[in-house]
Amino acid sequence: MAEPSVVKLEGALTLETVTACLGRALPAGDLVFDLGSVTRVDSSALALLLAWLRRAKARGSAVELRALPEPLLALARLYGIDTLLPLAA
């Protein structure tokens, strides 16, 4: 089985930056989204991750989220969607 492709996200994931990411082509196969270098988030970051998760699921790819910033996890809990996020163990 092939190793998953790592998609590293950096900087701010906010309304001002997420729109440019939405159309980003994702690598084929299974994916790991590494958010360890993300410095700022708002609810737009959740929208981006959910859109990418839907895309990956539609093509049969497994996804793992790694190093989610605590503020992003807190937002996911607030909205009641934290259980939808495939967090790394």
N, C-alpha and C. Protein backbone atom coordinates (compact mmCIF):
# COMPACT_ATOMS: atom_id res chain seq x y z
N MET A 1 0.83 -1.18 0.00
CA MET A 1 0.00 0.00 0.00
C MET A 1 0.88 1.25 0.00
N ALA A 2 0.57 2.22 -0.81
CA ALA A 2 1.37 3.44 -0.95
C ALA A 2 1.22 4.33 0.28
N GLU A 3 2.28 5.05 0.56
CA GLU A 3 2.24 6.03 1.63
C GLU A 3 1.30 7.17 1.24
N PRO A 4 0.57 7.75 2.21
CA PRO A 4 -0.30 8.88 1.86
C PRO A 4 0.52 10.11 1.50
N SER A 5 -0.05 10.94 0.67
CA SER A 5 0.58 12.23 0.35
C SER A 5 0.30 13.20 1.48
N VAL A 6 1.31 13.97 1.87
CA VAL A 6 1.15 14.95 2.94
C VAL A 6 0.93 16.32 2.31
N VAL A 7 -0.18 16.95 2.71
CA VAL A 7 -0.49 18.31 2.27
C VAL A 7 -0.26 19.20 3.48
N LYS A 8 0.80 20.01 3.41
CA LYS A 8 1.18 20.86 4.53
C LYS A 8 0.53 22.23 4.38
N LEU A 9 -0.21 22.62 5.40
CA LEU A 9 -0.86 23.94 5.41
C LEU A 9 -0.09 24.85 6.35
N GLU A 10 0.08 26.11 5.92
CA GLU A 10 0.89 27.06 6.69
C GLU A 10 0.21 28.41 6.78
N GLY A 11 0.58 29.15 7.82
CA GLY A 11 0.08 30.51 7.95
C GLY A 11 -1.37 30.56 8.40
N ALA A 12 -2.06 31.62 8.01
CA ALA A 12 -3.44 31.84 8.41
C ALA A 12 -4.39 31.07 7.50
N LEU A 13 -5.38 30.43 8.11
CA LEU A 13 -6.49 29.82 7.37
C LEU A 13 -7.74 30.57 7.81
N THR A 14 -7.98 31.67 7.13
CA THR A 14 -9.09 32.55 7.48
C THR A 14 -9.87 32.89 6.21
N LEU A 15 -10.92 33.62 6.37
CA LEU A 15 -11.77 34.01 5.24
C LEU A 15 -10.94 34.64 4.13
N GLU A 16 -9.91 35.38 4.48
CA GLU A 16 -9.08 36.05 3.49
C GLU A 16 -8.20 35.08 2.69
N THR A 17 -7.88 33.93 3.25
CA THR A 17 -6.93 33.02 2.60
C THR A 17 -7.54 31.72 2.09
N VAL A 18 -8.63 31.30 2.68
CA VAL A 18 -9.19 29.98 2.37
C VAL A 18 -9.75 29.89 0.95
N THR A 19 -10.30 30.95 0.44
CA THR A 19 -10.89 30.92 -0.89
C THR A 19 -9.89 30.46 -1.93
N ALA A 20 -8.66 30.91 -1.82
CA ALA A 20 -7.62 30.50 -2.77
C ALA A 20 -7.30 29.01 -2.64
N CYS A 21 -7.49 28.45 -1.45
CA CYS A 21 -7.18 27.04 -1.22
C CYS A 21 -8.28 26.10 -1.73
N LEU A 22 -9.50 26.58 -1.77
CA LEU A 22 -10.63 25.70 -2.13
C LEU A 22 -10.45 25.01 -3.47
N GLY A 23 -9.93 25.72 -4.45
CA GLY A 23 -9.77 25.14 -5.77
C GLY A 23 -8.48 24.37 -5.96
N ARG A 24 -7.68 24.31 -4.92
CA ARG A 24 -6.37 23.65 -5.00
C ARG A 24 -6.53 22.18 -5.38
N ALA A 25 -5.73 21.74 -6.32
CA ALA A 25 -5.73 20.33 -6.70
C ALA A 25 -5.07 19.52 -5.58
N LEU A 26 -5.71 18.44 -5.21
CA LEU A 26 -5.17 17.57 -4.18
C LEU A 26 -4.48 16.37 -4.82
N PRO A 27 -3.41 15.88 -4.22
CA PRO A 27 -2.73 14.72 -4.78
C PRO A 27 -3.67 13.51 -4.81
N ALA A 28 -3.39 12.60 -5.72
CA ALA A 28 -4.17 11.36 -5.80
C ALA A 28 -3.84 10.47 -4.61
N GLY A 29 -4.73 9.56 -4.29
CA GLY A 29 -4.49 8.60 -3.23
C GLY A 29 -4.86 9.13 -1.87
N ASP A 30 -4.42 8.40 -0.85
CA ASP A 30 -4.72 8.78 0.52
C ASP A 30 -3.95 10.04 0.89
N LEU A 31 -4.52 10.81 1.84
CA LEU A 31 -3.97 12.12 2.17
C LEU A 31 -3.81 12.31 3.68
N VAL A 32 -2.78 13.06 4.04
CA VAL A 32 -2.61 13.56 5.39
C VAL A 32 -2.53 15.07 5.27
N PHE A 33 -3.42 15.77 5.96
CA PHE A 33 -3.35 17.23 6.01
C PHE A 33 -2.63 17.60 7.30
N ASP A 34 -1.46 18.19 7.16
CA ASP A 34 -0.63 18.59 8.29
C ASP A 34 -0.85 20.06 8.56
N LEU A 35 -1.47 20.36 9.70
CA LEU A 35 -1.79 21.74 10.06
C LEU A 35 -0.86 22.29 11.13
N GLY A 36 0.28 21.65 11.32
CA GLY A 36 1.21 22.05 12.37
C GLY A 36 1.80 23.44 12.22
N SER A 37 1.80 23.99 11.01
CA SER A 37 2.35 25.33 10.79
C SER A 37 1.27 26.39 10.57
N VAL A 38 0.03 26.05 10.89
CA VAL A 38 -1.06 27.02 10.76
C VAL A 38 -1.01 27.95 11.97
N THR A 39 -1.05 29.25 11.71
CA THR A 39 -0.87 30.23 12.78
C THR A 39 -2.16 30.88 13.26
N ARG A 40 -3.17 30.93 12.38
CA ARG A 40 -4.43 31.58 12.73
C ARG A 40 -5.56 30.88 11.99
N VAL A 41 -6.73 30.75 12.66
CA VAL A 41 -7.87 30.11 12.02
C VAL A 41 -9.15 30.85 12.35
N ASP A 42 -10.14 30.65 11.50
CA ASP A 42 -11.52 31.00 11.82
C ASP A 42 -12.39 29.90 11.25
N SER A 43 -13.68 30.07 11.26
CA SER A 43 -14.57 29.01 10.81
C SER A 43 -14.37 28.66 9.34
N SER A 44 -13.76 29.53 8.58
CA SER A 44 -13.46 29.23 7.18
C SER A 44 -12.51 28.05 7.06
N ALA A 45 -11.63 27.87 8.01
CA ALA A 45 -10.71 26.74 8.00
C ALA A 45 -11.49 25.43 8.10
N LEU A 46 -12.52 25.40 8.92
CA LEU A 46 -13.36 24.21 9.01
C LEU A 46 -14.07 23.95 7.69
N ALA A 47 -14.58 25.00 7.07
CA ALA A 47 -15.26 24.84 5.78
C ALA A 47 -14.31 24.25 4.75
N LEU A 48 -13.07 24.71 4.73
CA LEU A 48 -12.07 24.19 3.80
C LEU A 48 -11.82 22.71 4.05
N LEU A 49 -11.58 22.34 5.31
CA LEU A 49 -11.30 20.95 5.62
C LEU A 49 -12.48 20.04 5.27
N LEU A 50 -13.69 20.49 5.56
CA LEU A 50 -14.87 19.69 5.23
C LEU A 50 -15.03 19.53 3.72
N ALA A 51 -14.75 20.58 2.97
CA ALA A 51 -14.83 20.49 1.50
C ALA A 51 -13.80 19.50 0.98
N TRP A 52 -12.57 19.56 1.49
CA TRP A 52 -11.54 18.63 1.06
C TRP A 52 -11.87 17.20 1.48
N LEU A 53 -12.45 17.04 2.67
CA LEU A 53 -12.85 15.70 3.12
C LEU A 53 -13.92 15.12 2.20
N ARG A 54 -14.88 15.94 1.79
CA ARG A 54 -15.93 15.48 0.87
C ARG A 54 -15.31 15.06 -0.47
N ARG A 55 -14.39 15.88 -0.97
CA ARG A 55 -13.73 15.57 -2.25
C ARG A 55 -12.97 14.25 -2.17
N ALA A 56 -12.21 14.09 -1.10
CA ALA A 56 -11.42 12.88 -0.93
C ALA A 56 -12.33 11.65 -0.79
N LYS A 57 -13.38 11.79 -0.02
CA LYS A 57 -14.31 10.67 0.17
C LYS A 57 -14.96 10.28 -1.16
N ALA A 58 -15.32 11.27 -1.97
CA ALA A 58 -15.97 11.01 -3.25
C ALA A 58 -15.08 10.20 -4.18
N ARG A 59 -13.77 10.36 -4.04
CA ARG A 59 -12.86 9.60 -4.91
C ARG A 59 -12.28 8.38 -4.23
N GLY A 60 -12.75 8.09 -3.01
CA GLY A 60 -12.34 6.88 -2.32
C GLY A 60 -11.02 6.99 -1.58
N SER A 61 -10.56 8.19 -1.31
CA SER A 61 -9.29 8.40 -0.60
C SER A 61 -9.52 8.48 0.90
N ALA A 62 -8.61 7.89 1.65
CA ALA A 62 -8.62 8.05 3.11
C ALA A 62 -7.92 9.35 3.46
N VAL A 63 -8.37 9.99 4.54
CA VAL A 63 -7.80 11.27 4.96
C VAL A 63 -7.53 11.24 6.45
N GLU A 64 -6.42 11.86 6.83
CA GLU A 64 -6.08 12.03 8.24
C GLU A 64 -5.68 13.49 8.44
N LEU A 65 -6.15 14.07 9.54
CA LEU A 65 -5.76 15.44 9.91
C LEU A 65 -4.73 15.35 11.02
N ARG A 66 -3.61 16.02 10.81
CA ARG A 66 -2.50 15.95 11.76
C ARG A 66 -2.21 17.35 12.31
N ALA A 67 -1.93 17.40 13.61
CA ALA A 67 -1.50 18.63 14.29
C ALA A 67 -2.51 19.76 14.15
N LEU A 68 -3.79 19.44 14.38
CA LEU A 68 -4.83 20.47 14.33
C LEU A 68 -4.59 21.49 15.44
N PRO A 69 -4.56 22.79 15.10
CA PRO A 69 -4.39 23.80 16.15
C PRO A 69 -5.57 23.75 17.13
N GLU A 70 -5.30 23.95 18.39
CA GLU A 70 -6.34 23.90 19.41
C GLU A 70 -7.51 24.84 19.12
N PRO A 71 -7.27 26.08 18.65
CA PRO A 71 -8.42 26.94 18.34
C PRO A 71 -9.34 26.35 17.26
N LEU A 72 -8.77 25.63 16.30
CA LEU A 72 -9.58 25.01 15.26
C LEU A 72 -10.38 23.84 15.83
N LEU A 73 -9.76 23.07 16.70
CA LEU A 73 -10.47 21.97 17.34
C LEU A 73 -11.59 22.52 18.24
N ALA A 74 -11.32 23.62 18.91
CA ALA A 74 -12.35 24.24 19.76
C ALA A 74 -13.55 24.70 18.92
N LEU A 75 -13.28 25.27 17.75
CA LEU A 75 -14.38 25.67 16.85
C LEU A 75 -15.18 24.45 16.40
N ALA A 76 -14.48 23.38 16.06
CA ALA A 76 -15.16 22.16 15.62
C ALA A 76 -16.06 21.62 16.74
N ARG A 77 -15.57 21.65 17.96
CA ARG A 77 -16.38 21.20 19.11
C ARG A 77 -17.59 22.12 19.29
N LEU A 78 -17.37 23.42 19.19
CA LEU A 78 -18.45 24.39 19.34
C LEU A 78 -19.57 24.13 18.34
N TYR A 79 -19.21 23.82 17.10
CA TYR A 79 -20.20 23.57 16.05
C TYR A 79 -20.70 22.13 16.05
N GLY A 80 -20.15 21.29 16.91
CA GLY A 80 -20.60 19.90 17.01
C GLY A 80 -20.16 19.03 15.85
N ILE A 81 -19.04 19.39 15.21
CA ILE A 81 -18.56 18.59 14.07
C ILE A 81 -17.20 17.95 14.32
N ASP A 82 -16.71 18.02 15.53
CA ASP A 82 -15.40 17.45 15.84
C ASP A 82 -15.36 15.95 15.56
N THR A 83 -16.47 15.26 15.69
CA THR A 83 -16.50 13.82 15.44
C THR A 83 -16.41 13.49 13.95
N LEU A 84 -16.61 14.48 13.10
CA LEU A 84 -16.51 14.27 11.66
C LEU A 84 -15.07 14.37 11.16
N LEU A 85 -14.19 14.88 11.99
CA LEU A 85 -12.82 15.12 11.59
C LEU A 85 -11.95 13.90 11.87
N PRO A 86 -11.29 13.36 10.85
CA PRO A 86 -10.43 12.18 11.03
C PRO A 86 -9.07 12.58 11.60
N LEU A 87 -9.04 12.75 12.90
CA LEU A 87 -7.82 13.22 13.56
C LEU A 87 -6.81 12.10 13.69
N ALA A 88 -5.54 12.47 13.57
CA ALA A 88 -4.45 11.51 13.76
C ALA A 88 -4.45 11.07 15.22
N ALA A 89 -4.09 9.83 15.44
CA ALA A 89 -4.08 9.29 16.81
C ALA A 89 -2.97 9.89 17.65
